[in-house]
N, C-alpha and C. Protein backbone atom coordinates (compact mmCIF):
# COMPACT_ATOMS: atom_id res chain seq x y z
N PHE A 1 83.25 80.84 55.15
CA PHE A 1 83.90 81.30 53.96
C PHE A 1 85.39 81.46 54.23
N ARG A 2 86.18 81.24 53.24
CA ARG A 2 87.62 81.25 53.43
C ARG A 2 88.15 82.60 53.89
N SER A 3 87.60 83.68 53.41
CA SER A 3 88.09 85.00 53.79
C SER A 3 87.53 85.45 55.12
N GLY A 4 86.57 84.72 55.65
CA GLY A 4 85.91 85.13 56.87
C GLY A 4 84.77 86.08 56.62
N GLN A 5 84.57 86.49 55.38
CA GLN A 5 83.49 87.39 55.04
C GLN A 5 82.36 86.62 54.40
N VAL A 6 81.15 87.03 54.71
CA VAL A 6 79.97 86.37 54.17
C VAL A 6 79.48 87.15 52.96
N LEU A 7 79.14 86.43 51.92
CA LEU A 7 78.52 87.04 50.75
C LEU A 7 77.03 87.07 51.00
N ASN A 8 76.51 88.24 51.29
CA ASN A 8 75.08 88.37 51.59
C ASN A 8 74.26 88.33 50.31
N GLN A 9 73.10 87.74 50.40
CA GLN A 9 72.21 87.62 49.24
C GLN A 9 71.38 88.88 49.10
N ARG A 10 71.38 89.46 47.89
CA ARG A 10 70.57 90.64 47.62
C ARG A 10 69.42 90.30 46.70
N SER A 11 69.72 89.87 45.49
CA SER A 11 68.66 89.61 44.52
C SER A 11 68.35 88.12 44.37
N GLY A 12 69.29 87.27 44.72
CA GLY A 12 69.12 85.83 44.52
C GLY A 12 69.57 85.37 43.14
N ASN A 13 70.00 86.29 42.28
CA ASN A 13 70.41 85.92 40.92
C ASN A 13 71.61 84.98 40.91
N LEU A 14 72.58 85.24 41.77
CA LEU A 14 73.76 84.38 41.81
C LEU A 14 73.40 82.99 42.32
N ALA A 15 72.62 82.94 43.37
CA ALA A 15 72.23 81.63 43.95
C ALA A 15 71.45 80.80 42.94
N THR A 16 70.56 81.41 42.20
CA THR A 16 69.76 80.65 41.24
C THR A 16 70.54 80.32 39.97
N ALA A 17 71.67 81.00 39.76
CA ALA A 17 72.46 80.75 38.55
C ALA A 17 73.41 79.57 38.70
N VAL A 18 73.63 79.11 39.92
CA VAL A 18 74.53 77.98 40.14
C VAL A 18 73.86 76.73 39.57
N ALA A 19 74.60 76.04 38.72
CA ALA A 19 74.05 74.87 38.04
C ALA A 19 75.11 73.77 38.03
N GLY A 20 74.67 72.59 37.73
CA GLY A 20 75.60 71.48 37.65
C GLY A 20 75.13 70.46 36.65
N GLY A 21 75.97 69.51 36.39
CA GLY A 21 75.62 68.46 35.46
C GLY A 21 76.54 67.28 35.61
N VAL A 22 76.14 66.19 35.04
CA VAL A 22 76.92 64.96 35.07
C VAL A 22 77.24 64.57 33.64
N GLU A 23 78.47 64.21 33.40
CA GLU A 23 78.90 63.76 32.08
C GLU A 23 79.23 62.27 32.16
N THR A 24 78.79 61.53 31.19
CA THR A 24 79.14 60.12 31.15
C THR A 24 80.52 59.97 30.51
N THR A 25 81.16 58.88 30.82
CA THR A 25 82.47 58.59 30.24
C THR A 25 82.45 57.15 29.72
N ASP A 26 83.51 56.75 29.07
CA ASP A 26 83.61 55.38 28.58
C ASP A 26 83.94 54.40 29.72
N SER A 27 84.35 54.94 30.85
CA SER A 27 84.74 54.10 31.99
C SER A 27 83.50 53.73 32.80
N ALA A 28 83.47 52.50 33.26
CA ALA A 28 82.36 52.04 34.10
C ALA A 28 82.51 52.53 35.53
N THR A 29 83.69 53.06 35.88
CA THR A 29 83.92 53.48 37.26
C THR A 29 84.16 54.98 37.39
N GLU A 30 83.92 55.73 36.31
CA GLU A 30 84.21 57.17 36.36
C GLU A 30 83.00 57.98 35.93
N VAL A 31 82.72 59.02 36.69
CA VAL A 31 81.66 59.97 36.36
C VAL A 31 82.26 61.36 36.52
N LYS A 32 82.00 62.24 35.58
CA LYS A 32 82.48 63.61 35.67
C LYS A 32 81.31 64.52 35.99
N THR A 33 81.54 65.44 36.90
CA THR A 33 80.51 66.42 37.23
C THR A 33 81.07 67.82 37.04
N ARG A 34 80.16 68.75 36.76
CA ARG A 34 80.52 70.16 36.65
C ARG A 34 79.52 70.94 37.49
N VAL A 35 80.02 71.92 38.18
CA VAL A 35 79.14 72.78 38.95
C VAL A 35 79.73 74.19 38.93
N GLY A 36 78.86 75.18 38.86
CA GLY A 36 79.31 76.56 38.85
C GLY A 36 78.26 77.45 38.23
N VAL A 37 78.63 78.69 38.04
CA VAL A 37 77.78 79.62 37.31
C VAL A 37 78.23 79.49 35.86
N LEU A 38 77.47 78.76 35.09
CA LEU A 38 77.89 78.37 33.76
C LEU A 38 77.42 79.32 32.67
N ARG A 39 76.36 80.09 32.96
CA ARG A 39 75.84 81.04 31.96
C ARG A 39 74.84 81.98 32.64
N GLY A 40 74.42 82.98 31.91
CA GLY A 40 73.42 83.91 32.44
C GLY A 40 74.03 85.19 32.96
N PRO A 41 73.19 86.13 33.38
CA PRO A 41 73.67 87.44 33.81
C PRO A 41 74.61 87.39 35.01
N ALA A 42 74.43 86.44 35.90
CA ALA A 42 75.28 86.35 37.09
C ALA A 42 76.72 85.97 36.74
N LEU A 43 76.93 85.41 35.56
CA LEU A 43 78.27 85.01 35.14
C LEU A 43 79.23 86.21 35.16
N ALA A 44 78.71 87.40 34.88
CA ALA A 44 79.55 88.60 34.82
C ALA A 44 80.19 88.94 36.17
N TYR A 45 79.56 88.61 37.28
CA TYR A 45 80.11 88.97 38.58
C TYR A 45 80.37 87.78 39.50
N ALA A 46 80.10 86.59 39.06
CA ALA A 46 80.31 85.40 39.91
C ALA A 46 81.78 85.23 40.30
N GLY A 47 82.67 85.37 39.35
CA GLY A 47 84.09 85.16 39.60
C GLY A 47 84.69 86.13 40.59
N ILE A 48 84.31 87.40 40.49
CA ILE A 48 84.89 88.41 41.39
C ILE A 48 84.47 88.15 42.83
N HIS A 49 83.27 87.62 43.03
CA HIS A 49 82.84 87.30 44.38
C HIS A 49 83.54 86.04 44.89
N GLU A 50 83.68 85.05 44.04
CA GLU A 50 84.29 83.77 44.45
C GLU A 50 85.78 83.94 44.77
N TYR A 51 86.50 84.66 43.93
CA TYR A 51 87.96 84.74 44.04
C TYR A 51 88.49 86.09 44.51
N GLY A 52 87.65 87.13 44.49
CA GLY A 52 88.13 88.47 44.81
C GLY A 52 88.83 89.06 43.61
N GLY A 53 89.19 90.32 43.71
CA GLY A 53 89.90 90.96 42.60
C GLY A 53 89.74 92.46 42.63
N THR A 54 90.15 93.08 41.57
CA THR A 54 90.12 94.54 41.45
C THR A 54 89.30 94.93 40.23
N ILE A 55 88.46 95.94 40.43
CA ILE A 55 87.66 96.49 39.34
C ILE A 55 88.12 97.92 39.12
N ASN A 56 88.56 98.23 37.92
CA ASN A 56 88.97 99.60 37.57
C ASN A 56 87.81 100.28 36.88
N ARG A 57 87.25 101.29 37.52
CA ARG A 57 86.10 102.03 36.96
C ARG A 57 86.61 103.30 36.30
N THR A 58 86.15 103.55 35.09
CA THR A 58 86.50 104.78 34.40
C THR A 58 85.25 105.36 33.75
N GLY A 59 85.29 106.64 33.50
CA GLY A 59 84.21 107.27 32.75
C GLY A 59 82.91 107.45 33.49
N SER A 60 82.91 107.35 34.80
CA SER A 60 81.67 107.56 35.54
C SER A 60 81.59 109.01 36.00
N LYS A 61 80.49 109.38 36.60
CA LYS A 61 80.32 110.74 37.12
C LYS A 61 81.33 111.05 38.22
N LYS A 62 81.78 110.01 38.92
CA LYS A 62 82.74 110.18 40.00
C LYS A 62 84.18 110.23 39.47
N GLY A 63 84.38 110.04 38.20
CA GLY A 63 85.72 109.92 37.66
C GLY A 63 86.20 108.49 37.80
N GLY A 64 87.48 108.28 37.54
CA GLY A 64 88.02 106.93 37.66
C GLY A 64 88.29 106.57 39.11
N TYR A 65 88.05 105.32 39.44
CA TYR A 65 88.35 104.83 40.78
C TYR A 65 88.50 103.32 40.73
N VAL A 66 89.04 102.77 41.80
CA VAL A 66 89.33 101.33 41.87
C VAL A 66 88.52 100.74 43.02
N ILE A 67 87.92 99.58 42.76
CA ILE A 67 87.20 98.84 43.80
C ILE A 67 87.97 97.56 44.05
N HIS A 68 88.34 97.34 45.30
CA HIS A 68 89.02 96.10 45.69
C HIS A 68 87.98 95.19 46.33
N MET A 69 87.68 94.08 45.67
CA MET A 69 86.69 93.13 46.17
C MET A 69 87.41 92.00 46.89
N PRO A 70 87.05 91.75 48.14
CA PRO A 70 87.67 90.62 48.85
C PRO A 70 87.10 89.29 48.35
N GLU A 71 87.84 88.22 48.56
CA GLU A 71 87.33 86.89 48.24
C GLU A 71 86.20 86.57 49.21
N ARG A 72 85.06 86.18 48.64
CA ARG A 72 83.91 85.74 49.44
C ARG A 72 83.37 84.48 48.79
N SER A 73 84.10 83.42 48.96
CA SER A 73 83.77 82.16 48.29
C SER A 73 82.39 81.67 48.73
N TYR A 74 81.54 81.47 47.76
CA TYR A 74 80.21 80.92 48.02
C TYR A 74 80.12 79.51 47.45
N LEU A 75 80.93 79.20 46.45
CA LEU A 75 80.83 77.91 45.78
C LEU A 75 81.87 76.91 46.29
N ARG A 76 83.14 77.29 46.24
CA ARG A 76 84.19 76.37 46.70
C ARG A 76 84.04 76.04 48.17
N SER A 77 83.70 77.04 48.97
CA SER A 77 83.56 76.78 50.40
C SER A 77 82.39 75.84 50.68
N THR A 78 81.28 76.02 49.97
CA THR A 78 80.12 75.15 50.15
C THR A 78 80.44 73.73 49.69
N LEU A 79 81.09 73.60 48.54
CA LEU A 79 81.46 72.27 48.05
C LEU A 79 82.41 71.58 49.03
N SER A 80 83.32 72.34 49.60
CA SER A 80 84.25 71.77 50.57
C SER A 80 83.52 71.31 51.83
N GLU A 81 82.62 72.14 52.33
CA GLU A 81 81.87 71.81 53.54
C GLU A 81 80.95 70.61 53.34
N GLN A 82 80.39 70.47 52.14
CA GLN A 82 79.41 69.42 51.89
C GLN A 82 79.96 68.28 51.03
N ARG A 83 81.27 68.17 50.95
CA ARG A 83 81.93 67.20 50.09
C ARG A 83 81.43 65.77 50.32
N ASP A 84 81.40 65.34 51.57
CA ASP A 84 81.00 63.96 51.88
C ASP A 84 79.56 63.68 51.45
N GLN A 85 78.65 64.60 51.72
CA GLN A 85 77.25 64.41 51.33
C GLN A 85 77.09 64.39 49.80
N ILE A 86 77.84 65.25 49.13
CA ILE A 86 77.77 65.30 47.66
C ILE A 86 78.28 64.01 47.05
N LEU A 87 79.43 63.54 47.53
CA LEU A 87 79.99 62.29 46.99
C LEU A 87 79.08 61.10 47.28
N ALA A 88 78.46 61.07 48.45
CA ALA A 88 77.54 59.98 48.78
C ALA A 88 76.34 59.99 47.84
N LYS A 89 75.82 61.18 47.53
CA LYS A 89 74.67 61.27 46.63
C LYS A 89 75.05 60.85 45.21
N ILE A 90 76.22 61.28 44.76
CA ILE A 90 76.68 60.88 43.42
C ILE A 90 76.82 59.37 43.35
N SER A 91 77.37 58.76 44.40
CA SER A 91 77.53 57.31 44.44
C SER A 91 76.19 56.59 44.38
N ARG A 92 75.20 57.10 45.14
CA ARG A 92 73.86 56.49 45.12
C ARG A 92 73.24 56.59 43.72
N ILE A 93 73.35 57.74 43.10
CA ILE A 93 72.77 57.93 41.77
C ILE A 93 73.46 57.04 40.75
N ALA A 94 74.79 56.95 40.84
CA ALA A 94 75.53 56.10 39.91
C ALA A 94 75.15 54.63 40.10
N ALA A 95 74.99 54.21 41.35
CA ALA A 95 74.61 52.82 41.62
C ALA A 95 73.21 52.52 41.07
N GLU A 96 72.29 53.45 41.25
CA GLU A 96 70.93 53.26 40.70
C GLU A 96 70.96 53.19 39.18
N ALA A 97 71.72 54.07 38.56
CA ALA A 97 71.82 54.08 37.10
C ALA A 97 72.43 52.77 36.61
N SER A 98 73.41 52.28 37.32
CA SER A 98 74.06 51.02 36.94
C SER A 98 73.07 49.86 37.01
N LYS A 99 72.24 49.84 38.04
CA LYS A 99 71.24 48.77 38.19
C LYS A 99 70.19 48.83 37.08
N ASN A 100 69.87 50.07 36.67
CA ASN A 100 68.83 50.26 35.65
C ASN A 100 69.38 50.22 34.23
N GLY A 101 70.68 49.98 34.09
CA GLY A 101 71.28 49.85 32.75
C GLY A 101 71.43 51.16 32.03
N ARG A 102 71.53 52.25 32.72
CA ARG A 102 71.71 53.57 32.07
C ARG A 102 73.15 53.89 31.89
């Protein structure tokens, strides 16, 4: 992870919320992909874990306080580490689709 800190798995909600998709284009040589936490309950906290940030808490029994969350990239770091394998798989799928006329 970029910050050196590991994002430990507690419930698995964030891991199961990561989704992706492929979009077709008018170009025969271009494919667009999207990956991330696109919807669901994990969307509320996915960004703060990926990028870090500050949470201002008010109105709790403890009174107001600030939580500083460090960056613990789980998505960008994984995509960076597995870039070559991901691109190879996308190329294989695109080649198969091209052969099958999709």
